[in-house]
């Protein structure tokens, strides 16, 4: 992603999400969403974090661009192969994880199939991909079913990149086990896999199990902190919400195509 593309995207997001919110309302929503994901994680299976217009705006305008920049940095840090020609974005949310990977390559950029269950998130993903000039297809389907569908056929998955950003930690244990099995199967048939999760250990207690299970297929896992100069508007939002850190962090697991 070029700085021009990034700045155009952020300006479009601001116009889209601040149309009906004042700055103080938006700042409160950013803080509230942070509380939901950090201090009240136990509510996530039964109460959507996107249950108000303010939280949706906070997710779309603040957290989604941060995730976009984080995955962009992760891709550049851990991947060495040519970018995929097709990306499967599991639990895609606003679609920025797949977008960041797609935009790491030169034209023609990878097409994206994004899978999620939330109608608002899927529409946001569609809008984000269009705004970024990408070809994307949002599908209302959960991550586990999407991967089972992907590996059901017998063809090669060469050229396919699978990304799961801040999504696997929200699955229940049985679904997470099924997802790991299908990811391993997809890699054995030529796909590459990128997993991104929060640095907080409590968010992904299963992380080491995944790293061990995929190690035989070449997985490299680690904690990363990326020093990023946040765009001025994101830095302003971050400061207003009381988040002074200028480092983007994530746990990253990368499995190259065989």
Protein backbone atom coordinates (compact mmCIF):
# COMPACT_ATOMS: atom_id res chain seq x y z
CA UNK A 1 0.00 0.00 0.00
CA UNK A 2 1.39 3.38 -0.96
CA UNK A 3 1.11 6.42 1.37
CA UNK A 4 -1.26 8.01 -1.15
CA UNK A 5 -3.55 4.98 -1.15
CA UNK A 6 -3.49 4.90 2.65
CA UNK A 7 -4.30 8.59 3.04
CA UNK A 8 -7.13 8.43 0.50
CA UNK A 9 -8.61 5.46 2.32
CA UNK A 10 -8.43 7.10 5.75
CA UNK A 11 -10.06 10.27 4.43
CA UNK A 12 -12.89 8.24 2.91
CA UNK A 13 -13.36 6.34 6.18
CA UNK A 14 -13.60 9.57 8.13
CA UNK A 15 -16.26 10.94 5.83
CA UNK A 16 -18.18 7.67 6.07
CA UNK A 17 -18.10 7.16 9.83
CA UNK A 18 -18.17 10.64 11.30
CA UNK A 19 -21.20 11.80 9.35
CA UNK A 20 -23.54 11.26 12.31
CA UNK A 21 -21.15 11.41 15.28
CA UNK A 22 -19.41 14.25 17.07
CA UNK A 23 -15.74 13.82 17.93
CA UNK A 24 -16.49 13.33 21.67
CA UNK A 25 -19.11 10.69 20.84
CA UNK A 26 -16.65 8.90 18.60
CA UNK A 27 -13.90 9.01 21.25
CA UNK A 28 -16.24 7.50 23.85
CA UNK A 29 -17.15 4.75 21.41
CA UNK A 30 -13.47 3.93 20.82
CA UNK A 31 -12.94 3.56 24.56
CA UNK A 32 -16.13 1.48 24.97
CA UNK A 33 -15.08 -0.91 22.23
CA UNK A 34 -11.67 -1.33 23.83
CA UNK A 35 -13.32 -2.20 27.15
CA UNK A 36 -15.53 -4.78 25.43
CA UNK A 37 -12.57 -6.54 23.81
CA UNK A 38 -10.14 -6.31 26.74
CA UNK A 39 -11.93 -6.10 30.07
CA UNK A 40 -15.16 -7.84 29.09
CA UNK A 41 -13.92 -10.48 26.65
CA UNK A 42 -16.13 -13.06 28.30
CA UNK A 43 -19.18 -11.33 26.84
CA UNK A 44 -18.05 -11.74 23.23
CA UNK A 45 -19.74 -15.13 22.58
CA UNK A 46 -23.14 -13.79 23.70
CA UNK A 47 -22.98 -10.06 23.04
CA UNK A 48 -21.70 -8.59 19.79
CA UNK A 49 -19.07 -5.86 20.18
CA UNK A 50 -20.77 -4.11 17.25
CA UNK A 51 -24.10 -3.63 19.02
CA UNK A 52 -24.31 0.15 18.60
CA UNK A 53 -23.72 2.67 15.82
CA UNK A 54 -20.94 4.29 17.84
CA UNK A 55 -19.02 1.03 18.32
CA UNK A 56 -19.42 0.19 14.63
CA UNK A 57 -17.99 3.58 13.71
CA UNK A 58 -15.12 3.08 16.16
CA UNK A 59 -14.37 -0.32 14.67
CA UNK A 60 -14.55 0.94 11.09
CA UNK A 61 -12.62 4.20 11.47
CA UNK A 62 -10.11 3.47 14.25
CA UNK A 63 -9.49 -0.23 14.83
CA UNK A 64 -9.80 -1.35 11.20
CA UNK A 65 -7.06 1.02 9.97
CA UNK A 66 -4.83 -0.05 12.87
CA UNK A 67 -5.34 -3.67 11.86
CA UNK A 68 -4.64 -2.76 8.23
CA UNK A 69 -1.31 -1.16 9.18
CA UNK A 70 -0.41 -4.04 11.52
CA UNK A 71 -1.02 -6.74 8.92
CA UNK A 72 0.81 -4.69 6.31
CA UNK A 73 3.84 -4.57 8.63
CA UNK A 74 3.51 -8.27 9.49
CA UNK A 75 3.38 -9.33 5.86
CA UNK A 76 6.52 -7.36 5.11
CA UNK A 77 8.28 -8.75 8.19
CA UNK A 78 7.55 -12.48 7.92
CA UNK A 79 6.63 -13.41 4.35
CA UNK A 80 9.29 -13.98 1.74
CA UNK A 81 7.41 -15.62 -1.12
CA UNK A 82 5.54 -13.81 -3.87
CA UNK A 83 2.09 -12.55 -2.77
CA UNK A 84 -0.81 -14.92 -3.44
CA UNK A 85 -3.16 -14.47 -6.36
CA UNK A 86 -6.20 -15.33 -4.22
CA UNK A 87 -6.74 -14.56 -0.54
CA UNK A 88 -9.22 -16.23 1.79
CA UNK A 89 -9.95 -13.90 4.74
CA UNK A 90 -11.41 -15.91 7.63
CA UNK A 91 -13.66 -14.00 10.03
CA UNK A 92 -12.88 -11.09 7.77
CA UNK A 93 -14.69 -8.39 9.74
CA UNK A 94 -14.14 -5.19 7.78
CA UNK A 95 -11.88 -6.97 5.30
CA UNK A 96 -8.69 -5.08 6.10
CA UNK A 97 -6.48 -8.11 6.80
CA UNK A 98 -7.04 -9.55 3.36
CA UNK A 99 -6.72 -6.06 1.88
CA UNK A 100 -3.35 -5.43 3.53
CA UNK A 101 -1.95 -8.69 2.17
CA UNK A 102 -3.39 -8.09 -1.29
CA UNK A 103 -1.91 -4.60 -1.44
CA UNK A 104 1.55 -5.84 -0.49
CA UNK A 105 1.84 -7.15 -4.04
CA UNK A 106 2.08 -5.36 -7.36
CA UNK A 107 -0.67 -5.27 -9.96
CA UNK A 108 -2.65 -7.34 -10.60
CA UNK A 109 -3.40 -7.63 -6.92
CA UNK A 110 -4.92 -10.72 -5.34
CA UNK A 111 -8.68 -11.15 -5.27
CA UNK A 112 -10.25 -11.66 -1.83
CA UNK A 113 -12.95 -14.01 -0.58
CA UNK A 114 -14.01 -12.77 2.86
CA UNK A 115 -16.08 -14.86 5.27
CA UNK A 116 -17.94 -13.50 8.28
CA UNK A 117 -21.34 -13.81 9.96
CA UNK A 118 -22.02 -10.16 10.77
CA UNK A 119 -24.04 -8.34 8.06
CA UNK A 120 -22.59 -4.93 8.92
CA UNK A 121 -19.03 -6.25 8.80
CA UNK A 122 -19.59 -7.85 5.40
CA UNK A 123 -21.00 -4.64 3.95
CA UNK A 124 -18.10 -2.71 5.45
CA UNK A 125 -15.65 -5.17 3.89
CA UNK A 126 -17.32 -4.74 0.51
CA UNK A 127 -17.06 -0.94 0.79
CA UNK A 128 -13.44 -1.07 1.98
CA UNK A 129 -12.34 -3.30 -0.87
CA UNK A 130 -14.08 -1.13 -3.44
CA UNK A 131 -12.58 2.03 -1.94
CA UNK A 132 -9.10 0.47 -2.05
CA UNK A 133 -9.57 -0.64 -5.65
CA UNK A 134 -9.56 -4.35 -4.81
CA UNK A 135 -11.70 -7.20 -6.06
CA UNK A 136 -13.45 -8.80 -3.10
CA UNK A 137 -16.38 -11.11 -2.47
CA UNK A 138 -17.98 -11.01 1.00
CA UNK A 139 -19.74 -14.23 2.00
CA UNK A 140 -21.91 -14.77 5.07
CA UNK A 141 -20.35 -17.95 6.43
CA UNK A 142 -18.33 -18.75 9.53
CA UNK A 143 -14.59 -19.36 9.32
CA UNK A 144 -14.78 -23.08 10.09
CA UNK A 145 -17.39 -23.80 7.42
CA UNK A 146 -15.47 -21.65 4.94
CA UNK A 147 -12.30 -23.69 5.41
CA UNK A 148 -14.15 -26.99 5.28
CA UNK A 149 -15.63 -25.85 1.97
CA UNK A 150 -12.16 -24.83 0.75
CA UNK A 151 -10.55 -28.20 1.41
CA UNK A 152 -13.55 -30.27 0.30
CA UNK A 153 -12.41 -30.28 -3.31
CA UNK A 154 -9.37 -32.17 -4.53
CA UNK A 155 -7.62 -29.46 -6.54
CA UNK A 156 -4.39 -27.65 -5.77
CA UNK A 157 -4.50 -24.55 -3.59
CA UNK A 158 -1.26 -23.18 -4.97
CA UNK A 159 -1.39 -19.39 -5.15
CA UNK A 160 -3.93 -19.20 -2.32
CA UNK A 161 -3.19 -17.26 0.84
CA UNK A 162 -5.33 -17.79 3.94
CA UNK A 163 -5.41 -15.08 6.60
CA UNK A 164 -7.13 -15.04 9.98
CA UNK A 165 -6.72 -11.74 11.80
CA UNK A 166 -8.00 -11.27 15.35
CA UNK A 167 -10.65 -13.92 14.65
CA UNK A 168 -9.56 -17.37 15.86
CA UNK A 169 -9.51 -16.19 19.49
CA UNK A 170 -13.29 -15.69 19.27
CA UNK A 171 -13.99 -19.32 18.35
CA UNK A 172 -15.01 -21.97 20.84
CA UNK A 173 -12.53 -24.83 21.33
CA UNK A 174 -14.29 -27.44 19.11
CA UNK A 175 -14.54 -25.04 16.18
CA UNK A 176 -10.95 -23.92 16.65
CA UNK A 177 -9.77 -27.56 16.51
CA UNK A 178 -11.69 -28.14 13.27
CA UNK A 179 -10.23 -24.96 11.81
CA UNK A 180 -6.67 -26.02 12.63
CA UNK A 181 -7.24 -29.35 10.92
CA UNK A 182 -8.54 -27.73 7.74
CA UNK A 183 -5.79 -25.11 7.69
CA UNK A 184 -3.17 -27.87 7.87
CA UNK A 185 -4.92 -29.67 5.02
CA UNK A 186 -4.99 -26.50 2.92
CA UNK A 187 -1.27 -25.88 3.45
CA UNK A 188 -0.48 -29.46 2.42
CA UNK A 189 -2.22 -28.69 -0.88
CA UNK A 190 -0.23 -25.58 -1.63
CA UNK A 191 -1.76 -22.73 0.38
CA UNK A 192 0.08 -20.33 2.66
CA UNK A 193 -1.35 -19.22 6.00
CA UNK A 194 -1.05 -16.05 8.06
CA UNK A 195 -2.46 -15.88 11.59
CA UNK A 196 -2.52 -12.61 13.55
CA UNK A 197 -3.71 -12.28 17.15
CA UNK A 198 -3.33 -9.82 20.05
CA UNK A 199 -0.10 -9.85 22.04
CA UNK A 200 -2.01 -10.47 25.27
CA UNK A 201 -1.40 -14.09 26.27
CA UNK A 202 -4.85 -14.47 27.75
CA UNK A 203 -6.51 -13.74 24.41
CA UNK A 204 -5.07 -16.85 22.76
CA UNK A 205 -4.09 -19.53 25.29
CA UNK A 206 -4.17 -22.05 22.44
CA UNK A 207 -1.42 -20.26 20.48
CA UNK A 208 1.44 -22.61 21.35
CA UNK A 209 -0.67 -25.63 20.39
CA UNK A 210 -1.22 -24.17 16.92
CA UNK A 211 2.45 -23.30 16.54
CA UNK A 212 3.47 -26.86 17.46
CA UNK A 213 0.84 -28.45 15.22
CA UNK A 214 1.91 -26.41 12.18
CA UNK A 215 5.65 -26.52 12.88
CA UNK A 216 6.10 -29.63 10.76
CA UNK A 217 4.70 -27.62 7.83
CA UNK A 218 7.22 -24.84 8.29
CA UNK A 219 5.35 -22.52 10.67
CA UNK A 220 7.26 -19.62 12.17
CA UNK A 221 5.59 -17.91 15.13
CA UNK A 222 6.59 -14.92 17.21
CA UNK A 223 5.56 -11.76 19.00
CA UNK A 224 6.13 -8.59 17.01
CA UNK A 225 6.12 -4.88 17.75
CA UNK A 226 6.21 -2.60 14.75
CA UNK A 227 7.32 1.01 15.11
CA UNK A 228 4.88 2.84 12.86
CA UNK A 229 4.36 6.55 12.31
CA UNK A 230 0.60 6.66 12.62
CA UNK A 231 -1.16 8.92 10.14
CA UNK A 232 -2.02 12.21 11.83
CA UNK A 233 -5.74 11.54 12.17
CA UNK A 234 -5.26 8.07 13.68
CA UNK A 235 -2.71 9.48 16.11
CA UNK A 236 -5.19 12.19 17.07
CA UNK A 237 -7.94 9.62 17.71
CA UNK A 238 -5.52 7.48 19.70
CA UNK A 239 -4.44 10.37 21.91
CA UNK A 240 -8.02 11.50 22.49
CA UNK A 241 -8.98 8.00 23.61
CA UNK A 242 -6.02 7.81 25.97
CA UNK A 243 -3.94 5.37 23.90
CA UNK A 244 -0.50 6.95 23.72
CA UNK A 245 1.42 3.96 22.34
CA UNK A 246 2.84 4.42 18.85
CA UNK A 247 3.87 0.78 18.48
CA UNK A 248 1.60 -1.71 16.73
CA UNK A 249 1.91 -5.18 18.23
CA UNK A 250 0.66 -8.62 17.32
CA UNK A 251 1.42 -12.30 17.61
CA UNK A 252 2.11 -13.57 14.12
CA UNK A 253 2.22 -17.14 12.83
CA UNK A 254 3.30 -17.64 9.24
CA UNK A 255 3.19 -20.91 7.30
CA UNK A 256 4.65 -20.63 3.80
CA UNK A 257 3.30 -22.65 0.93
CA UNK A 258 5.14 -25.96 0.59
